[in-house]
Amino acid sequence: MRIYQGVIEIRDLKSFLQKVPDGCIFIDADYVIDLKTVEFAVKKAIRSWENGKRISKNIAMETLLHFSGTRQINHAVKAGLKEGFNRIVVVDLNSCKKFLEMQGFRESEVLKIDQEKLKKIAQFYGISNEEIEITGWEKLNLLVREKIALFSVSK
């Protein structure tokens, strides 16, 4: 597994997604608190996939569902690609870097954290103000991983 971060412009999302090789997974950087959390979600998704406990038709969606901590595809795709400019984290399970480069992907540091992003992540995962008060913002990554772990147990 390789993880890249960078930017890409998507003009036609449906057409782009039809060309994406298996094992190339895109996560909107605005929902990524750290790369360890991405790795954690990917490993959970792969384990489910390999153990025959998958809930989706492909590993990319399985990963987005685990990353999002939900069975709701509509919610999970909020953390995926969109048409237009995307700041993304790419999980490469199958040598998709050449494909990315041919599509205009440029590696760059996109995981900048500020208070606005922390609030967006907490809202995305349904983490309450009370939970934040107990743990503090500096432990949000652990609360997110807990949501991912609970999703794996509950499905």
N, C-alpha and C. Protein backbone atom coordinates (compact mmCIF):
# COMPACT_ATOMS: atom_id res chain seq x y z
N MET A 1 0.85 -1.17 0.00
CA MET A 1 0.00 0.00 0.00
C MET A 1 0.90 1.24 0.00
N ARG A 2 0.60 2.14 -0.93
CA ARG A 2 1.26 3.44 -0.97
C ARG A 2 0.19 4.51 -0.81
N ILE A 3 0.57 5.60 -0.15
CA ILE A 3 -0.37 6.69 0.02
C ILE A 3 0.29 7.96 -0.48
N TYR A 4 -0.41 8.65 -1.37
CA TYR A 4 0.05 9.92 -1.92
C TYR A 4 -0.93 11.00 -1.51
N GLN A 5 -0.47 12.21 -1.48
CA GLN A 5 -1.37 13.34 -1.32
C GLN A 5 -1.05 14.36 -2.39
N GLY A 6 -2.09 15.03 -2.84
CA GLY A 6 -1.88 16.01 -3.90
C GLY A 6 -3.19 16.58 -4.41
N VAL A 7 -3.10 17.10 -5.63
CA VAL A 7 -4.25 17.77 -6.23
C VAL A 7 -4.52 17.21 -7.63
N ILE A 8 -5.79 17.26 -8.01
CA ILE A 8 -6.20 16.83 -9.36
C ILE A 8 -7.46 17.58 -9.74
N GLU A 9 -7.58 17.90 -11.00
CA GLU A 9 -8.77 18.56 -11.54
C GLU A 9 -9.59 17.50 -12.28
N ILE A 10 -10.86 17.38 -11.92
CA ILE A 10 -11.76 16.40 -12.56
C ILE A 10 -12.83 17.16 -13.32
N ARG A 11 -12.84 17.01 -14.63
CA ARG A 11 -13.85 17.70 -15.45
C ARG A 11 -15.16 16.91 -15.52
N ASP A 12 -15.04 15.60 -15.72
CA ASP A 12 -16.22 14.72 -15.83
C ASP A 12 -16.01 13.55 -14.88
N LEU A 13 -16.62 13.61 -13.71
CA LEU A 13 -16.38 12.62 -12.67
C LEU A 13 -16.75 11.21 -13.11
N LYS A 14 -17.91 11.06 -13.73
CA LYS A 14 -18.36 9.73 -14.16
C LYS A 14 -17.36 9.10 -15.13
N SER A 15 -16.92 9.87 -16.11
CA SER A 15 -15.95 9.37 -17.09
C SER A 15 -14.62 9.03 -16.41
N PHE A 16 -14.18 9.90 -15.49
CA PHE A 16 -12.92 9.66 -14.78
C PHE A 16 -12.99 8.36 -13.98
N LEU A 17 -14.08 8.17 -13.24
CA LEU A 17 -14.21 6.99 -12.39
C LEU A 17 -14.26 5.69 -13.20
N GLN A 18 -14.77 5.77 -14.43
CA GLN A 18 -14.80 4.58 -15.28
C GLN A 18 -13.40 4.15 -15.71
N LYS A 19 -12.46 5.09 -15.70
CA LYS A 19 -11.08 4.79 -16.13
C LYS A 19 -10.16 4.39 -14.98
N VAL A 20 -10.59 4.62 -13.74
CA VAL A 20 -9.73 4.38 -12.59
C VAL A 20 -9.44 2.89 -12.44
N PRO A 21 -8.16 2.53 -12.34
CA PRO A 21 -7.83 1.11 -12.13
C PRO A 21 -8.26 0.64 -10.74
N ASP A 22 -8.56 -0.66 -10.63
CA ASP A 22 -8.89 -1.23 -9.33
C ASP A 22 -7.75 -0.97 -8.36
N GLY A 23 -8.10 -0.71 -7.13
CA GLY A 23 -7.09 -0.51 -6.11
C GLY A 23 -6.54 0.90 -6.04
N CYS A 24 -7.19 1.84 -6.71
CA CYS A 24 -6.82 3.25 -6.66
C CYS A 24 -7.97 3.97 -5.96
N ILE A 25 -7.72 4.41 -4.73
CA ILE A 25 -8.78 4.91 -3.86
C ILE A 25 -8.53 6.38 -3.55
N PHE A 26 -9.56 7.20 -3.69
CA PHE A 26 -9.43 8.65 -3.50
C PHE A 26 -10.23 9.10 -2.28
N ILE A 27 -9.59 9.89 -1.42
CA ILE A 27 -10.25 10.45 -0.24
C ILE A 27 -10.00 11.95 -0.22
N ASP A 28 -11.07 12.70 -0.07
CA ASP A 28 -11.00 14.16 0.02
C ASP A 28 -10.17 14.54 1.24
N ALA A 29 -9.09 15.28 1.03
CA ALA A 29 -8.17 15.65 2.11
C ALA A 29 -8.85 16.47 3.20
N ASP A 30 -9.96 17.11 2.89
CA ASP A 30 -10.66 17.90 3.90
C ASP A 30 -11.24 17.04 5.02
N TYR A 31 -11.35 15.73 4.79
CA TYR A 31 -11.89 14.81 5.79
C TYR A 31 -10.81 13.93 6.43
N VAL A 32 -9.56 14.17 6.08
CA VAL A 32 -8.45 13.35 6.57
C VAL A 32 -7.73 14.08 7.69
N ILE A 33 -7.75 13.50 8.87
CA ILE A 33 -7.08 14.12 10.01
C ILE A 33 -5.60 13.77 10.03
N ASP A 34 -5.27 12.54 9.60
CA ASP A 34 -3.87 12.12 9.48
C ASP A 34 -3.80 10.85 8.64
N LEU A 35 -2.59 10.54 8.18
CA LEU A 35 -2.43 9.37 7.31
C LEU A 35 -2.58 8.06 8.07
N LYS A 36 -2.28 8.05 9.37
CA LYS A 36 -2.47 6.83 10.16
C LYS A 36 -3.94 6.42 10.18
N THR A 37 -4.83 7.39 10.21
CA THR A 37 -6.26 7.09 10.19
C THR A 37 -6.66 6.51 8.84
N VAL A 38 -6.10 7.03 7.77
CA VAL A 38 -6.36 6.46 6.44
C VAL A 38 -5.88 5.02 6.39
N GLU A 39 -4.66 4.77 6.82
CA GLU A 39 -4.12 3.40 6.83
C GLU A 39 -4.99 2.48 7.66
N PHE A 40 -5.43 2.95 8.82
CA PHE A 40 -6.29 2.17 9.71
C PHE A 40 -7.57 1.75 8.99
N ALA A 41 -8.21 2.69 8.32
CA ALA A 41 -9.45 2.40 7.59
C ALA A 41 -9.21 1.44 6.43
N VAL A 42 -8.12 1.65 5.71
CA VAL A 42 -7.80 0.78 4.56
C VAL A 42 -7.58 -0.65 5.04
N LYS A 43 -6.83 -0.81 6.10
CA LYS A 43 -6.56 -2.17 6.63
C LYS A 43 -7.85 -2.85 7.07
N LYS A 44 -8.74 -2.09 7.70
CA LYS A 44 -10.04 -2.65 8.10
C LYS A 44 -10.85 -3.07 6.87
N ALA A 45 -10.85 -2.24 5.85
CA ALA A 45 -11.60 -2.55 4.62
C ALA A 45 -11.02 -3.79 3.93
N ILE A 46 -9.70 -3.87 3.84
CA ILE A 46 -9.06 -5.03 3.21
C ILE A 46 -9.37 -6.30 3.98
N ARG A 47 -9.30 -6.22 5.30
CA ARG A 47 -9.61 -7.39 6.13
C ARG A 47 -11.04 -7.85 5.89
N SER A 48 -11.99 -6.94 5.85
CA SER A 48 -13.38 -7.30 5.58
C SER A 48 -13.51 -7.93 4.21
N TRP A 49 -12.85 -7.32 3.24
CA TRP A 49 -12.91 -7.80 1.86
C TRP A 49 -12.38 -9.23 1.77
N GLU A 50 -11.22 -9.46 2.37
CA GLU A 50 -10.58 -10.78 2.29
C GLU A 50 -11.32 -11.85 3.08
N ASN A 51 -12.02 -11.45 4.15
CA ASN A 51 -12.76 -12.40 4.97
C ASN A 51 -14.19 -12.63 4.47
N GLY A 52 -14.52 -12.08 3.31
CA GLY A 52 -15.84 -12.28 2.74
C GLY A 52 -16.93 -11.51 3.46
N LYS A 53 -16.57 -10.48 4.21
CA LYS A 53 -17.55 -9.69 4.95
C LYS A 53 -17.73 -8.31 4.34
N ARG A 54 -17.46 -8.21 3.06
CA ARG A 54 -17.58 -6.91 2.39
C ARG A 54 -19.05 -6.52 2.25
N ILE A 55 -19.24 -5.22 2.12
CA ILE A 55 -20.61 -4.72 1.97
C ILE A 55 -20.76 -3.90 0.69
N SER A 56 -19.73 -3.88 -0.13
CA SER A 56 -19.80 -3.11 -1.37
C SER A 56 -19.26 -3.96 -2.52
N LYS A 57 -19.34 -3.41 -3.72
CA LYS A 57 -18.95 -4.15 -4.91
C LYS A 57 -17.49 -3.99 -5.29
N ASN A 58 -16.79 -3.01 -4.69
CA ASN A 58 -15.37 -2.84 -5.02
C ASN A 58 -14.62 -2.33 -3.80
N ILE A 59 -13.32 -2.53 -3.83
CA ILE A 59 -12.50 -2.19 -2.67
C ILE A 59 -12.45 -0.68 -2.42
N ALA A 60 -12.58 0.11 -3.46
CA ALA A 60 -12.57 1.56 -3.27
C ALA A 60 -13.78 2.01 -2.44
N MET A 61 -14.97 1.53 -2.78
CA MET A 61 -16.16 1.89 -2.01
C MET A 61 -16.11 1.27 -0.62
N GLU A 62 -15.62 0.06 -0.52
CA GLU A 62 -15.47 -0.58 0.79
C GLU A 62 -14.59 0.28 1.70
N THR A 63 -13.52 0.79 1.13
CA THR A 63 -12.61 1.64 1.89
C THR A 63 -13.28 2.95 2.30
N LEU A 64 -14.00 3.58 1.37
CA LEU A 64 -14.71 4.83 1.71
C LEU A 64 -15.74 4.60 2.81
N LEU A 65 -16.44 3.47 2.77
CA LEU A 65 -17.42 3.17 3.81
C LEU A 65 -16.73 3.00 5.16
N HIS A 66 -15.63 2.27 5.18
CA HIS A 66 -14.88 2.11 6.43
C HIS A 66 -14.32 3.45 6.89
N PHE A 67 -13.72 4.18 5.98
CA PHE A 67 -13.14 5.48 6.34
C PHE A 67 -14.21 6.40 6.94
N SER A 68 -15.40 6.35 6.37
CA SER A 68 -16.49 7.22 6.82
C SER A 68 -17.20 6.67 8.05
N GLY A 69 -16.98 5.39 8.35
CA GLY A 69 -17.62 4.78 9.51
C GLY A 69 -19.12 4.63 9.36
N THR A 70 -19.57 4.36 8.13
CA THR A 70 -21.01 4.26 7.87
C THR A 70 -21.30 3.27 6.74
N ARG A 71 -22.50 2.73 6.76
CA ARG A 71 -22.98 1.88 5.66
C ARG A 71 -23.66 2.73 4.58
N GLN A 72 -23.86 4.00 4.87
CA GLN A 72 -24.58 4.89 3.97
C GLN A 72 -23.66 5.42 2.86
N ILE A 73 -23.86 4.92 1.66
CA ILE A 73 -23.01 5.33 0.53
C ILE A 73 -23.12 6.83 0.30
N ASN A 74 -24.32 7.38 0.44
CA ASN A 74 -24.50 8.83 0.23
C ASN A 74 -23.61 9.65 1.15
N HIS A 75 -23.43 9.19 2.38
CA HIS A 75 -22.55 9.89 3.32
C HIS A 75 -21.08 9.64 2.97
N ALA A 76 -20.75 8.40 2.68
CA ALA A 76 -19.35 8.03 2.40
C ALA A 76 -18.80 8.77 1.18
N VAL A 77 -19.60 8.95 0.14
CA VAL A 77 -19.09 9.59 -1.08
C VAL A 77 -18.78 11.07 -0.87
N LYS A 78 -19.27 11.66 0.22
CA LYS A 78 -18.89 13.03 0.53
C LYS A 78 -17.37 13.13 0.72
N ALA A 79 -16.76 12.03 1.15
CA ALA A 79 -15.32 12.00 1.37
C ALA A 79 -14.56 11.52 0.13
N GLY A 80 -15.25 11.42 -0.99
CA GLY A 80 -14.62 10.97 -2.23
C GLY A 80 -14.34 12.13 -3.17
N LEU A 81 -14.08 11.78 -4.43
CA LEU A 81 -13.80 12.77 -5.47
C LEU A 81 -15.05 13.56 -5.85
N LYS A 82 -14.80 14.77 -6.35
CA LYS A 82 -15.87 15.61 -6.86
C LYS A 82 -15.43 16.21 -8.19
N GLU A 83 -16.36 16.69 -8.96
CA GLU A 83 -15.97 17.41 -10.18
C GLU A 83 -15.33 18.72 -9.76
N GLY A 84 -14.32 19.12 -10.53
CA GLY A 84 -13.60 20.35 -10.22
C GLY A 84 -12.27 20.05 -9.56
N PHE A 85 -11.78 21.02 -8.82
CA PHE A 85 -10.48 20.92 -8.15
C PHE A 85 -10.60 20.06 -6.89
N ASN A 86 -9.71 19.08 -6.75
CA ASN A 86 -9.73 18.18 -5.59
C ASN A 86 -8.37 18.16 -4.91
N ARG A 87 -8.41 18.35 -3.59
CA ARG A 87 -7.23 18.11 -2.75
C ARG A 87 -7.47 16.73 -2.15
N ILE A 88 -6.61 15.77 -2.51
CA ILE A 88 -6.92 14.38 -2.19
C ILE A 88 -5.76 13.62 -1.56
N VAL A 89 -6.15 12.56 -0.88
CA VAL A 89 -5.23 11.52 -0.46
C VAL A 89 -5.56 10.32 -1.33
N VAL A 90 -4.55 9.72 -1.93
CA VAL A 90 -4.75 8.57 -2.80
C VAL A 90 -4.13 7.35 -2.15
N VAL A 91 -4.93 6.31 -2.01
CA VAL A 91 -4.43 5.03 -1.54
C VAL A 91 -4.21 4.17 -2.77
N ASP A 92 -2.99 3.73 -2.95
CA ASP A 92 -2.60 2.96 -4.13
C ASP A 92 -2.33 1.52 -3.72
N LEU A 93 -3.27 0.64 -4.03
CA LEU A 93 -3.11 -0.77 -3.71
C LEU A 93 -2.62 -1.57 -4.90
N ASN A 94 -2.51 -0.90 -6.07
CA ASN A 94 -2.27 -1.67 -7.29
C ASN A 94 -1.50 -0.89 -8.35
N SER A 95 -0.52 -0.13 -7.97
CA SER A 95 0.34 0.61 -8.91
C SER A 95 -0.46 1.52 -9.85
N CYS A 96 -1.12 2.50 -9.30
CA CYS A 96 -1.92 3.40 -10.13
C CYS A 96 -1.25 4.77 -10.31
N LYS A 97 0.00 4.91 -9.90
CA LYS A 97 0.64 6.22 -9.96
C LYS A 97 0.76 6.75 -11.39
N LYS A 98 1.11 5.91 -12.34
CA LYS A 98 1.22 6.35 -13.73
C LYS A 98 -0.13 6.85 -14.24
N PHE A 99 -1.18 6.13 -13.90
CA PHE A 99 -2.52 6.57 -14.27
C PHE A 99 -2.79 7.96 -13.70
N LEU A 100 -2.46 8.14 -12.43
CA LEU A 100 -2.69 9.44 -11.78
C LEU A 100 -1.94 10.56 -12.51
N GLU A 101 -0.69 10.32 -12.81
CA GLU A 101 0.12 11.33 -13.49
C GLU A 101 -0.46 11.66 -14.87
N MET A 102 -0.93 10.62 -15.58
CA MET A 102 -1.52 10.85 -16.91
C MET A 102 -2.82 11.67 -16.80
N GLN A 103 -3.45 11.63 -15.64
CA GLN A 103 -4.70 12.37 -15.43
C GLN A 103 -4.46 13.76 -14.85
N GLY A 104 -3.19 14.11 -14.65
CA GLY A 104 -2.86 15.45 -14.17
C GLY A 104 -2.68 15.57 -12.66
N PHE A 105 -2.60 14.45 -11.97
CA PHE A 105 -2.37 14.48 -10.53
C PHE A 105 -0.99 15.05 -10.23
N ARG A 106 -0.94 15.98 -9.27
CA ARG A 106 0.34 16.56 -8.83
C ARG A 106 0.47 16.35 -7.33
N GLU A 107 1.55 15.70 -6.94
CA GLU A 107 1.78 15.49 -5.51
C GLU A 107 2.08 16.81 -4.82
N SER A 108 1.47 17.01 -3.68
CA SER A 108 1.76 18.17 -2.83
C SER A 108 1.16 17.90 -1.46
N GLU A 109 1.65 18.64 -0.48
CA GLU A 109 1.18 18.51 0.89
C GLU A 109 -0.22 19.14 0.99
N VAL A 110 -1.22 18.32 1.27
CA VAL A 110 -2.59 18.84 1.35
C VAL A 110 -3.23 18.62 2.72
N LEU A 111 -2.51 18.01 3.62
CA LEU A 111 -3.09 17.71 4.94
C LEU A 111 -2.75 18.77 5.97
N LYS A 112 -3.24 19.94 5.73
CA LYS A 112 -3.05 21.03 6.68
C LYS A 112 -4.25 21.04 7.63
N ILE A 113 -3.96 21.19 8.91
CA ILE A 113 -5.01 21.14 9.92
C ILE A 113 -5.21 22.54 10.52
N ASP A 114 -6.47 22.96 10.56
CA ASP A 114 -6.83 24.18 11.28
C ASP A 114 -8.15 23.91 12.01
N GLN A 115 -8.60 24.84 12.80
CA GLN A 115 -9.79 24.64 13.61
C GLN A 115 -11.03 24.37 12.75
N GLU A 116 -11.14 25.05 11.64
CA GLU A 116 -12.28 24.84 10.73
C GLU A 116 -12.31 23.40 10.22
N LYS A 117 -11.15 22.88 9.84
CA LYS A 117 -11.08 21.50 9.35
C LYS A 117 -11.41 20.51 10.47
N LEU A 118 -10.91 20.76 11.66
CA LEU A 118 -11.22 19.88 12.79
C LEU A 118 -12.73 19.82 13.03
N LYS A 119 -13.39 20.96 12.97
CA LYS A 119 -14.85 21.00 13.16
C LYS A 119 -15.57 20.24 12.05
N LYS A 120 -15.09 20.39 10.82
CA LYS A 120 -15.69 19.68 9.68
C LYS A 120 -15.55 18.17 9.85
N ILE A 121 -14.39 17.73 10.29
CA ILE A 121 -14.16 16.30 10.50
C ILE A 121 -15.04 15.78 11.63
N ALA A 122 -15.10 16.51 12.73
CA ALA A 122 -15.95 16.09 13.86
C ALA A 122 -17.41 15.97 13.42
N GLN A 123 -17.88 16.93 12.65
CA GLN A 123 -19.26 16.89 12.16
C GLN A 123 -19.47 15.70 11.22
N PHE A 124 -18.53 15.45 10.33
CA PHE A 124 -18.63 14.34 9.39
C PHE A 124 -18.79 13.01 10.12
N TYR A 125 -18.06 12.84 11.21
CA TYR A 125 -18.09 11.58 11.96
C TYR A 125 -19.14 11.57 13.07
N GLY A 126 -19.88 12.66 13.22
CA GLY A 126 -20.89 12.71 14.27
C GLY A 126 -20.30 12.73 15.67
N ILE A 127 -19.15 13.34 15.80
CA ILE A 127 -18.49 13.45 17.11
C ILE A 127 -19.03 14.70 17.79
N SER A 128 -19.56 14.50 18.98
CA SER A 128 -20.25 15.58 19.68
C SER A 128 -19.29 16.54 20.36
N ASN A 129 -19.82 17.72 20.69
CA ASN A 129 -19.04 18.70 21.46
C ASN A 129 -18.64 18.13 22.81
N GLU A 130 -19.53 17.33 23.39
CA GLU A 130 -19.23 16.71 24.69
C GLU A 130 -18.01 15.78 24.58
N GLU A 131 -17.96 14.99 23.52
CA GLU A 131 -16.79 14.11 23.31
C GLU A 131 -15.51 14.93 23.18
N ILE A 132 -15.60 16.04 22.45
CA ILE A 132 -14.44 16.92 22.26
C ILE A 132 -14.03 17.55 23.60
N GLU A 133 -15.02 17.96 24.39
CA GLU A 133 -14.71 18.54 25.70
C GLU A 133 -13.97 17.55 26.60
N ILE A 134 -14.34 16.28 26.52
CA ILE A 134 -13.71 15.26 27.36
C ILE A 134 -12.29 14.97 26.89
N THR A 135 -12.11 14.85 25.58
CA THR A 135 -10.80 14.43 25.06
C THR A 135 -9.91 15.58 24.62
N GLY A 136 -10.51 16.67 24.19
CA GLY A 136 -9.76 17.77 23.60
C GLY A 136 -9.59 17.54 22.11
N TRP A 137 -9.41 18.64 21.38
CA TRP A 137 -9.25 18.57 19.91
C TRP A 137 -8.03 17.75 19.51
N GLU A 138 -7.00 17.75 20.36
CA GLU A 138 -5.76 17.04 20.01
C GLU A 138 -5.95 15.52 19.95
N LYS A 139 -7.06 15.01 20.46
CA LYS A 139 -7.35 13.57 20.41
C LYS A 139 -8.43 13.23 19.38
N LEU A 140 -8.77 14.18 18.53
CA LEU A 140 -9.81 13.92 17.53
C LEU A 140 -9.44 12.74 16.65
N ASN A 141 -8.17 12.58 16.31
CA ASN A 141 -7.76 11.44 15.48
C ASN A 141 -8.13 10.11 16.14
N LEU A 142 -8.02 10.02 17.45
CA LEU A 142 -8.38 8.78 18.15
C LEU A 142 -9.89 8.57 18.16
N LEU A 143 -10.65 9.64 18.29
CA LEU A 143 -12.11 9.52 18.22
C LEU A 143 -12.56 9.07 16.83
N VAL A 144 -11.90 9.58 15.80
CA VAL A 144 -12.23 9.16 14.43
C VAL A 144 -11.91 7.68 14.25
N ARG A 145 -10.75 7.25 14.70
CA ARG A 145 -10.39 5.82 14.59
C ARG A 145 -11.36 4.95 15.36
N GLU A 146 -11.85 5.45 16.50
CA GLU A 146 -12.84 4.70 17.26
C GLU A 146 -14.11 4.51 16.43
N LYS A 147 -14.55 5.56 15.74
CA LYS A 147 -15.75 5.45 14.88
C LYS A 147 -15.52 4.42 13.77
N ILE A 148 -14.32 4.41 13.21
CA ILE A 148 -13.99 3.43 12.16
C ILE A 148 -13.99 2.02 12.73
N ALA A 149 -13.39 1.86 13.90
CA ALA A 149 -13.34 0.53 14.54
C ALA A 149 -14.74 0.05 14.89
N LEU A 150 -15.58 0.93 15.42
CA LEU A 150 -16.94 0.54 15.77
C LEU A 150 -17.75 0.15 14.54
N PHE A 151 -17.49 0.82 13.42
CA PHE A 151 -18.15 0.45 12.18
C PHE A 151 -17.80 -0.98 11.79
N SER A 152 -16.54 -1.33 11.90
CA SER A 152 -16.08 -2.68 11.55
C SER A 152 -16.76 -3.73 12.43
N VAL A 153 -16.95 -3.41 13.70
CA VAL A 153 -17.57 -4.34 14.63
C VAL A 153 -19.07 -4.45 14.38
N SER A 154 -19.71 -3.33 14.05
CA SER A 154 -21.16 -3.30 13.94
C SER A 154 -21.72 -3.84 12.64
N LYS A 155 -20.91 -3.95 11.61
CA LYS A 155 -21.46 -4.41 10.34
C LYS A 155 -21.50 -5.88 10.30
